[in-house]
C-alpha atoms as a PDB file:
ATOM      1  CA  MET A   1     131.270  47.965 135.828  1.00  0.00           C
ATOM      2  CA  LYS A   2     128.458  45.816 136.999  1.00  0.00           C
ATOM      3  CA  SER A   3     128.769  41.887 137.365  1.00  0.00           C
ATOM      4  CA  LYS A   4     126.459  41.429 134.677  1.00  0.00           C
ATOM      5  CA  GLU A   5     128.779  43.157 132.322  1.00  0.00           C
ATOM      6  CA  VAL A   6     131.740  41.162 133.404  1.00  0.00           C
ATOM      7  CA  LYS A   7     129.792  37.743 133.065  1.00  0.00           C
ATOM      8  CA  GLU A   8     128.961  38.865 129.212  1.00  0.00           C
ATOM      9  CA  MET A   9     132.688  39.053 128.641  1.00  0.00           C
ATOM     10  CA  SER A  10     134.819  36.861 126.719  1.00  0.00           C
ATOM     11  CA  LEU A  11     137.761  35.184 128.272  1.00  0.00           C
ATOM     12  CA  GLY A  12     140.161  37.129 126.284  1.00  0.00           C
ATOM     13  CA  ASP A  13     138.553  40.273 126.992  1.00  0.00           C
ATOM     14  CA  LEU A  14     138.307  39.634 130.758  1.00  0.00           C
ATOM     15  CA  LYS A  15     142.453  39.180 130.674  1.00  0.00           C
ATOM     16  CA  ASP A  16     143.048  42.369 128.745  1.00  0.00           C
ATOM     17  CA  LYS A  17     140.940  44.201 130.781  1.00  0.00           C
ATOM     18  CA  ILE A  18     142.523  42.995 134.014  1.00  0.00           C
ATOM     19  CA  ILE A  19     145.726  44.148 132.600  1.00  0.00           C
ATOM     20  CA  GLU A  20     144.325  47.226 131.786  1.00  0.00           C
ATOM     21  CA  LEU A  21     142.935  48.049 134.999  1.00  0.00           C
ATOM     22  CA  THR A  22     146.035  46.859 136.910  1.00  0.00           C
ATOM     23  CA  VAL A  23     147.966  49.291 134.855  1.00  0.00           C
ATOM     24  CA  LYS A  24     145.773  51.980 135.406  1.00  0.00           C
ATOM     25  CA  GLN A  25     145.422  51.203 139.437  1.00  0.00           C
ATOM     26  CA  ASP A  26     149.356  51.712 139.405  1.00  0.00           C
ATOM     27  CA  LYS A  27     149.511  54.845 137.767  1.00  0.00           C
ATOM     28  CA  MET A  28     146.674  56.245 140.244  1.00  0.00           C
ATOM     29  CA  VAL A  29     148.514  55.021 142.932  1.00  0.00           C
ATOM     30  CA  MET A  30     151.530  56.894 141.989  1.00  0.00           C
ATOM     31  CA  ALA A  31     149.768  60.003 141.143  1.00  0.00           C
ATOM     32  CA  ASN A  32     148.023  60.036 144.400  1.00  0.00           C
ATOM     33  CA  ALA A  33     151.350  59.477 146.241  1.00  0.00           C
ATOM     34  CA  VAL A  34     152.774  62.631 144.240  1.00  0.00           C
ATOM     35  CA  THR A  35     149.650  65.069 144.143  1.00  0.00           C
ATOM     36  CA  LYS A  36     146.481  63.703 145.588  1.00  0.00           C
ATOM     37  CA  LEU A  37     143.775  62.762 143.211  1.00  0.00           C
ATOM     38  CA  GLU A  38     140.620  64.848 142.891  1.00  0.00           C
ATOM     39  CA  ASN A  39     138.486  61.398 143.572  1.00  0.00           C
ATOM     40  CA  PRO A  40     140.626  59.127 145.605  1.00  0.00           C
ATOM     41  CA  LEU A  41     137.634  56.762 145.662  1.00  0.00           C
ATOM     42  CA  GLN A  42     138.446  56.069 141.915  1.00  0.00           C
ATOM     43  CA  ILE A  43     141.445  53.773 143.577  1.00  0.00           C
ATOM     44  CA  ARG A  44     138.973  51.915 145.476  1.00  0.00           C
ATOM     45  CA  MET A  45     136.524  51.473 142.721  1.00  0.00           C
ATOM     46  CA  ASN A  46     139.299  50.786 140.335  1.00  0.00           C
ATOM     47  CA  ARG A  47     140.431  47.752 142.763  1.00  0.00           C
ATOM     48  CA  LYS A  48     136.889  46.299 143.342  1.00  0.00           C
ATOM     49  CA  ASP A  49     136.702  46.208 139.481  1.00  0.00           C
ATOM     50  CA  ILE A  50     139.894  44.046 139.245  1.00  0.00           C
ATOM     51  CA  ALA A  51     138.520  41.660 141.805  1.00  0.00           C
ATOM     52  CA  ARG A  52     135.377  41.399 140.050  1.00  0.00           C
ATOM     53  CA  LEU A  53     137.032  40.692 137.034  1.00  0.00           C
ATOM     54  CA  LYS A  54     139.603  38.103 138.638  1.00  0.00           C
ATOM     55  CA  THR A  55     136.837  36.201 140.688  1.00  0.00           C
ATOM     56  CA  GLU A  56     134.822  35.896 137.055  1.00  0.00           C
ATOM     57  CA  LEU A  57     138.136  34.365 135.584  1.00  0.00           C
ATOM     58  CA  LYS A  58     138.567  32.015 138.411  1.00  0.00           C
ATOM     59  CA  ALA A  59     135.077  30.838 138.374  1.00  0.00           C
ATOM     60  CA  ARG A  60     135.431  30.055 134.559  1.00  0.00           C
ATOM     61  CA  GLU A  61     138.544  28.364 134.848  1.00  0.00           C
ATOM     62  CA  LEU A  62     137.414  26.117 137.574  1.00  0.00           C
ATOM     63  CA  THR A  63     134.267  25.096 135.627  1.00  0.00           C
ATOM     64  CA  ALA A  64     136.058  24.492 132.253  1.00  0.00           C
END
């Protein structure tokens, strides 16, 4: 997910996507603990996507 895509999202979409990715992150971490994932870098990429979304959300809250 690129930062340009994140900036185009609405406030509600940002919050929904953060929740969705957080749940996905938890599932991936648990799956990796039980059996190794095919691509463990997915966890890192997902974590960075969550950070991008939260950063944009915070920036919007500060400007509003």
